[in-house]
């Protein structure tokens, strides 16, 4: 069964950290670039970060650059998002996705998503 399963979300105070994981099953992870998206209540889903198939290329939304780090372990079929210096505006449901293409240009702005995870809630509040 093809599946992406996120974990690691929760409630954290402003300035805190969380590490999200996305475990893949049923397909070959290194056939895809992997992305994290998020969707806050009442807002559209937005791209947060992207990592290339081998892990050598990464890209970030300007709102998270310098605070978030994406990584992947193809042998373990898992993608990670380390989130530091969290802010209340980071509160959202975070989704991982397997995408075609690159993490730059059209691949960043108009990704072709083959698989979505179910999402994990991240709440940043004091």
N, C-alpha and C. Protein backbone atom coordinates (compact mmCIF):
# COMPACT_ATOMS: atom_id res chain seq x y z
N UNK A 1 0.84 -1.19 0.00
CA UNK A 1 0.00 0.00 0.00
C UNK A 1 0.87 1.24 0.00
N UNK A 2 0.59 2.18 -0.92
CA UNK A 2 1.34 3.41 -1.01
C UNK A 2 0.94 4.34 0.12
N UNK A 3 1.90 4.83 0.86
CA UNK A 3 1.55 5.64 2.01
C UNK A 3 2.68 6.56 2.42
N UNK A 4 2.31 7.76 2.86
CA UNK A 4 3.20 8.68 3.55
C UNK A 4 2.57 8.96 4.90
N UNK A 5 3.33 8.79 5.96
CA UNK A 5 2.80 8.97 7.30
C UNK A 5 3.66 9.95 8.07
N UNK A 6 3.06 11.11 8.42
CA UNK A 6 3.76 12.13 9.18
C UNK A 6 3.62 11.86 10.67
N UNK A 7 4.62 12.31 11.43
CA UNK A 7 4.57 12.24 12.89
C UNK A 7 5.46 13.35 13.44
N UNK A 8 5.32 13.59 14.74
CA UNK A 8 6.19 14.55 15.41
C UNK A 8 5.56 15.89 15.70
N UNK A 9 4.33 16.10 15.26
CA UNK A 9 3.67 17.35 15.58
C UNK A 9 3.28 17.44 17.04
N UNK A 10 2.81 18.62 17.44
CA UNK A 10 2.38 18.81 18.82
C UNK A 10 2.29 20.26 19.17
N UNK A 11 2.19 20.51 20.48
CA UNK A 11 2.12 21.86 21.02
C UNK A 11 3.49 22.27 21.55
N UNK A 12 3.94 23.44 21.14
CA UNK A 12 5.24 23.93 21.56
C UNK A 12 5.14 25.43 21.82
N UNK A 13 5.94 25.93 22.73
CA UNK A 13 5.95 27.37 23.03
C UNK A 13 6.74 28.11 21.96
N UNK A 14 6.44 29.39 21.78
CA UNK A 14 7.23 30.20 20.85
C UNK A 14 8.71 30.13 21.20
N UNK A 15 9.52 30.01 20.15
CA UNK A 15 10.95 29.85 20.35
C UNK A 15 11.41 28.41 20.48
N UNK A 16 10.47 27.50 20.59
CA UNK A 16 10.80 26.09 20.75
C UNK A 16 11.07 25.40 19.42
N UNK A 17 11.28 24.08 19.52
CA UNK A 17 11.63 23.28 18.35
C UNK A 17 10.77 22.03 18.28
N UNK A 18 10.59 21.56 17.06
CA UNK A 18 9.96 20.28 16.79
C UNK A 18 10.66 19.64 15.60
N UNK A 19 10.61 18.31 15.56
CA UNK A 19 11.14 17.59 14.41
C UNK A 19 10.03 16.71 13.84
N UNK A 20 9.63 17.00 12.63
CA UNK A 20 8.62 16.20 11.96
C UNK A 20 9.29 15.09 11.16
N UNK A 21 8.63 13.95 11.09
CA UNK A 21 9.08 12.84 10.27
C UNK A 21 8.00 12.45 9.29
N UNK A 22 8.43 11.93 8.16
CA UNK A 22 7.50 11.46 7.13
C UNK A 22 8.03 10.12 6.63
N UNK A 23 7.34 9.05 6.99
CA UNK A 23 7.76 7.70 6.62
C UNK A 23 7.01 7.23 5.38
N UNK A 24 7.75 6.76 4.39
CA UNK A 24 7.16 6.31 3.14
C UNK A 24 7.10 4.79 3.09
N UNK A 25 6.05 4.28 2.48
CA UNK A 25 5.93 2.84 2.28
C UNK A 25 5.21 2.59 0.96
N UNK A 26 5.55 1.47 0.34
CA UNK A 26 4.85 1.06 -0.87
C UNK A 26 5.40 1.65 -2.15
N UNK A 27 6.43 2.50 -2.06
CA UNK A 27 7.05 3.03 -3.27
C UNK A 27 8.51 3.37 -2.96
N UNK A 28 9.28 3.63 -4.01
CA UNK A 28 10.70 3.91 -3.84
C UNK A 28 10.88 5.39 -3.58
N UNK A 29 11.28 5.73 -2.36
CA UNK A 29 11.36 7.13 -1.96
C UNK A 29 12.31 7.92 -2.85
N UNK A 30 13.46 7.33 -3.21
CA UNK A 30 14.44 8.12 -3.95
C UNK A 30 14.10 8.29 -5.42
N UNK A 31 12.92 7.89 -5.83
CA UNK A 31 12.41 8.25 -7.15
C UNK A 31 11.80 9.65 -7.16
N UNK A 32 11.67 10.26 -5.97
CA UNK A 32 10.94 11.52 -5.85
C UNK A 32 11.70 12.58 -5.08
N UNK A 33 11.54 13.84 -5.52
CA UNK A 33 11.80 14.94 -4.60
C UNK A 33 10.69 14.91 -3.55
N UNK A 34 11.01 15.41 -2.38
CA UNK A 34 10.03 15.40 -1.29
C UNK A 34 9.82 16.81 -0.78
N UNK A 35 8.58 17.10 -0.44
CA UNK A 35 8.24 18.45 0.01
C UNK A 35 7.43 18.40 1.30
N UNK A 36 7.54 19.48 2.03
CA UNK A 36 6.65 19.76 3.15
C UNK A 36 5.79 20.96 2.78
N UNK A 37 4.51 20.82 3.04
CA UNK A 37 3.55 21.90 2.90
C UNK A 37 2.90 22.14 4.26
N UNK A 38 2.21 23.25 4.39
CA UNK A 38 1.43 23.49 5.59
C UNK A 38 0.17 24.26 5.23
N UNK A 39 -0.84 24.08 6.07
CA UNK A 39 -2.09 24.80 5.87
C UNK A 39 -2.62 25.25 7.22
N UNK A 40 -2.72 26.56 7.38
CA UNK A 40 -3.27 27.15 8.59
C UNK A 40 -4.77 27.35 8.41
N UNK A 41 -5.51 27.43 9.52
CA UNK A 41 -6.97 27.63 9.42
C UNK A 41 -7.31 28.86 8.59
N UNK A 42 -8.19 28.69 7.62
CA UNK A 42 -8.65 29.81 6.81
C UNK A 42 -7.67 30.26 5.74
N UNK A 43 -6.56 29.54 5.58
CA UNK A 43 -5.55 29.94 4.60
C UNK A 43 -5.32 28.81 3.59
N UNK A 44 -4.74 29.20 2.46
CA UNK A 44 -4.41 28.20 1.45
C UNK A 44 -3.18 27.40 1.88
N UNK A 45 -3.08 26.19 1.33
CA UNK A 45 -1.90 25.38 1.58
C UNK A 45 -0.69 26.05 0.94
N UNK A 46 0.44 26.09 1.64
CA UNK A 46 1.63 26.73 1.12
C UNK A 46 2.83 25.78 1.21
N UNK A 47 3.73 25.92 0.26
CA UNK A 47 4.94 25.14 0.27
C UNK A 47 5.90 25.67 1.31
N UNK A 48 6.50 24.77 2.09
CA UNK A 48 7.43 25.13 3.15
C UNK A 48 8.86 24.83 2.74
N UNK A 49 9.08 23.60 2.25
CA UNK A 49 10.43 23.18 1.95
C UNK A 49 10.41 22.05 0.95
N UNK A 50 11.57 21.84 0.31
CA UNK A 50 11.71 20.80 -0.71
C UNK A 50 13.12 20.24 -0.63
N UNK A 51 13.26 18.94 -0.89
CA UNK A 51 14.58 18.32 -0.95
C UNK A 51 14.63 17.42 -2.17
N UNK A 52 15.75 17.49 -2.91
CA UNK A 52 15.88 16.69 -4.11
C UNK A 52 16.02 15.20 -3.81
N UNK A 53 16.03 14.42 -4.88
CA UNK A 53 16.00 12.97 -4.74
C UNK A 53 17.18 12.43 -3.95
N UNK A 54 18.35 12.99 -4.15
CA UNK A 54 19.53 12.50 -3.45
C UNK A 54 19.80 13.26 -2.17
N UNK A 55 19.06 14.34 -1.93
CA UNK A 55 19.26 15.15 -0.75
C UNK A 55 20.24 16.30 -0.95
N UNK A 56 20.79 16.42 -2.16
CA UNK A 56 21.78 17.46 -2.39
C UNK A 56 21.22 18.84 -2.63
N UNK A 57 19.97 18.92 -3.02
CA UNK A 57 19.34 20.22 -3.30
C UNK A 57 18.19 20.44 -2.32
N UNK A 58 18.14 21.63 -1.77
CA UNK A 58 17.04 21.99 -0.87
C UNK A 58 16.55 23.39 -1.20
N UNK A 59 15.33 23.65 -0.84
CA UNK A 59 14.74 24.97 -1.03
C UNK A 59 13.74 25.22 0.08
N UNK A 60 13.55 26.50 0.41
CA UNK A 60 12.69 26.86 1.53
C UNK A 60 11.86 28.09 1.18
N UNK A 61 10.68 28.16 1.75
CA UNK A 61 9.92 29.39 1.71
C UNK A 61 10.66 30.46 2.51
N UNK A 62 10.54 31.70 2.09
CA UNK A 62 11.26 32.78 2.76
C UNK A 62 10.86 32.91 4.23
N UNK A 63 9.63 32.53 4.55
CA UNK A 63 9.13 32.65 5.92
C UNK A 63 9.79 31.68 6.90
N UNK A 64 10.44 30.63 6.38
CA UNK A 64 11.03 29.63 7.26
C UNK A 64 12.53 29.47 7.04
N UNK A 65 13.07 30.11 6.01
CA UNK A 65 14.49 29.94 5.70
C UNK A 65 15.34 30.40 6.88
N UNK A 66 16.32 29.58 7.26
CA UNK A 66 17.17 29.89 8.40
C UNK A 66 16.66 29.33 9.71
N UNK A 67 15.39 28.90 9.73
CA UNK A 67 14.82 28.32 10.95
C UNK A 67 14.49 26.83 10.77
N UNK A 68 14.11 26.44 9.57
CA UNK A 68 13.73 25.06 9.28
C UNK A 68 14.83 24.40 8.44
N UNK A 69 14.99 23.09 8.65
CA UNK A 69 15.94 22.31 7.87
C UNK A 69 15.28 21.01 7.43
N UNK A 70 15.29 20.77 6.14
CA UNK A 70 14.75 19.53 5.59
C UNK A 70 15.90 18.56 5.33
N UNK A 71 15.64 17.27 5.57
CA UNK A 71 16.64 16.24 5.29
C UNK A 71 15.90 14.95 4.94
N UNK A 72 16.65 14.00 4.44
CA UNK A 72 16.05 12.72 4.09
C UNK A 72 17.04 11.59 4.28
N UNK A 73 16.51 10.42 4.56
CA UNK A 73 17.29 9.19 4.68
C UNK A 73 16.61 8.18 3.76
N UNK A 74 17.14 8.03 2.55
CA UNK A 74 16.48 7.15 1.58
C UNK A 74 16.53 5.69 2.02
N UNK A 75 17.57 5.30 2.71
CA UNK A 75 17.65 3.92 3.19
C UNK A 75 16.55 3.62 4.19
N UNK A 76 16.24 4.61 5.03
CA UNK A 76 15.16 4.46 6.02
C UNK A 76 13.81 4.91 5.46
N UNK A 77 13.79 5.40 4.22
CA UNK A 77 12.57 5.85 3.56
C UNK A 77 11.83 6.89 4.41
N UNK A 78 12.60 7.84 4.92
CA UNK A 78 12.03 8.85 5.81
C UNK A 78 12.57 10.23 5.45
N UNK A 79 11.69 11.20 5.54
CA UNK A 79 12.04 12.60 5.33
C UNK A 79 11.77 13.34 6.64
N UNK A 80 12.60 14.32 6.94
CA UNK A 80 12.49 15.04 8.20
C UNK A 80 12.36 16.55 7.95
N UNK A 81 11.74 17.22 8.91
CA UNK A 81 11.72 18.68 8.92
C UNK A 81 12.03 19.13 10.34
N UNK A 82 13.22 19.64 10.53
CA UNK A 82 13.63 20.20 11.83
C UNK A 82 13.18 21.65 11.86
N UNK A 83 12.37 21.98 12.84
CA UNK A 83 11.82 23.33 12.95
C UNK A 83 12.30 23.96 14.24
N UNK A 84 13.06 25.03 14.12
CA UNK A 84 13.59 25.75 15.27
C UNK A 84 13.02 27.16 15.33
N UNK A 85 13.17 27.79 16.45
CA UNK A 85 12.70 29.18 16.64
C UNK A 85 11.27 29.34 16.16
N UNK A 86 10.42 28.44 16.59
CA UNK A 86 9.04 28.44 16.11
C UNK A 86 8.28 29.68 16.57
N UNK A 87 7.38 30.13 15.70
CA UNK A 87 6.57 31.31 15.94
C UNK A 87 5.10 30.92 15.90
N UNK A 88 4.24 31.70 16.52
CA UNK A 88 2.80 31.39 16.46
C UNK A 88 2.29 31.27 15.02
N UNK A 89 2.85 32.04 14.11
CA UNK A 89 2.40 31.98 12.72
C UNK A 89 2.83 30.70 12.00
N UNK A 90 3.63 29.87 12.66
CA UNK A 90 3.96 28.55 12.10
C UNK A 90 2.88 27.52 12.40
N UNK A 91 1.90 27.89 13.21
CA UNK A 91 0.81 26.98 13.54
C UNK A 91 0.05 26.57 12.29
N UNK A 92 -0.05 25.28 12.05
CA UNK A 92 -0.70 24.76 10.84
C UNK A 92 -0.69 23.24 10.90
N UNK A 93 -1.42 22.63 9.97
CA UNK A 93 -1.26 21.20 9.70
C UNK A 93 -0.16 21.08 8.66
N UNK A 94 0.82 20.25 8.96
CA UNK A 94 1.97 20.05 8.08
C UNK A 94 1.82 18.73 7.33
N UNK A 95 2.02 18.79 6.03
CA UNK A 95 1.88 17.63 5.16
C UNK A 95 3.20 17.36 4.43
N UNK A 96 3.54 16.10 4.28
CA UNK A 96 4.63 15.78 3.37
C UNK A 96 4.04 15.25 2.07
N UNK A 97 4.84 15.37 1.01
CA UNK A 97 4.35 14.97 -0.31
C UNK A 97 5.52 14.51 -1.16
N UNK A 98 5.26 13.53 -2.01
CA UNK A 98 6.23 13.06 -3.01
C UNK A 98 5.90 13.75 -4.32
N UNK A 99 6.90 14.44 -4.89
CA UNK A 99 6.64 15.26 -6.07
C UNK A 99 7.57 14.87 -7.21
N UNK A 100 7.13 15.16 -8.41
CA UNK A 100 7.97 15.02 -9.58
C UNK A 100 8.72 16.32 -9.82
N UNK A 101 9.85 16.21 -10.50
CA UNK A 101 10.57 17.40 -10.89
C UNK A 101 11.53 17.88 -9.81
N UNK A 102 11.96 19.14 -9.98
CA UNK A 102 12.98 19.69 -9.11
C UNK A 102 12.37 20.56 -8.01
N UNK A 103 13.24 21.07 -7.17
CA UNK A 103 12.82 21.95 -6.07
C UNK A 103 12.93 23.42 -6.44
N UNK A 104 13.19 23.72 -7.71
CA UNK A 104 13.37 25.11 -8.10
C UNK A 104 12.46 25.44 -9.29
N UNK A 105 12.27 26.73 -9.54
CA UNK A 105 11.51 27.18 -10.69
C UNK A 105 10.11 26.62 -10.71
N UNK A 106 9.66 26.13 -11.86
CA UNK A 106 8.30 25.58 -11.95
C UNK A 106 8.06 24.45 -10.96
N UNK A 107 9.09 23.68 -10.65
CA UNK A 107 8.92 22.59 -9.70
C UNK A 107 8.58 23.09 -8.32
N UNK A 108 9.03 24.27 -7.96
CA UNK A 108 8.73 24.84 -6.66
C UNK A 108 7.35 25.50 -6.67
N UNK A 109 7.07 26.27 -7.71
CA UNK A 109 5.83 27.06 -7.74
C UNK A 109 4.61 26.25 -8.15
N UNK A 110 4.80 25.26 -8.99
CA UNK A 110 3.68 24.44 -9.47
C UNK A 110 4.05 22.97 -9.42
N UNK A 111 4.18 22.42 -8.23
CA UNK A 111 4.63 21.03 -8.12
C UNK A 111 3.58 20.03 -8.59
N UNK A 112 4.06 18.93 -9.14
CA UNK A 112 3.19 17.81 -9.47
C UNK A 112 3.32 16.80 -8.34
N UNK A 113 2.27 16.71 -7.54
CA UNK A 113 2.29 15.85 -6.36
C UNK A 113 1.71 14.49 -6.70
N UNK A 114 2.49 13.45 -6.46
CA UNK A 114 2.00 12.10 -6.68
C UNK A 114 1.37 11.50 -5.43
N UNK A 115 1.96 11.78 -4.27
CA UNK A 115 1.44 11.22 -3.02
C UNK A 115 1.42 12.28 -1.93
N UNK A 116 0.36 12.26 -1.14
CA UNK A 116 0.22 13.14 0.02
C UNK A 116 0.15 12.30 1.30
N UNK A 117 0.69 12.88 2.37
CA UNK A 117 0.45 12.31 3.67
C UNK A 117 -0.84 12.86 4.25
N UNK A 118 -1.21 12.38 5.43
CA UNK A 118 -2.45 12.79 6.07
C UNK A 118 -2.31 14.06 6.89
N UNK A 119 -1.09 14.44 7.22
CA UNK A 119 -0.86 15.66 7.96
C UNK A 119 -0.65 15.45 9.44
N UNK A 120 0.09 16.37 10.04
CA UNK A 120 0.30 16.39 11.49
C UNK A 120 0.17 17.82 11.98
N UNK A 121 -0.53 18.00 13.09
CA UNK A 121 -0.81 19.34 13.61
C UNK A 121 0.38 19.88 14.39
N UNK A 122 0.76 21.11 14.08
CA UNK A 122 1.78 21.83 14.84
C UNK A 122 1.12 23.10 15.38
N UNK A 123 1.17 23.26 16.69
CA UNK A 123 0.59 24.43 17.34
C UNK A 123 1.68 25.12 18.16
N UNK A 124 1.89 26.39 17.85
CA UNK A 124 2.90 27.18 18.57
C UNK A 124 2.16 28.22 19.39
N UNK A 125 2.18 28.06 20.69
CA UNK A 125 1.40 28.93 21.57
C UNK A 125 1.98 28.89 22.97
N UNK A 126 1.86 30.02 23.66
CA UNK A 126 2.28 30.07 25.06
C UNK A 126 1.10 29.80 25.97
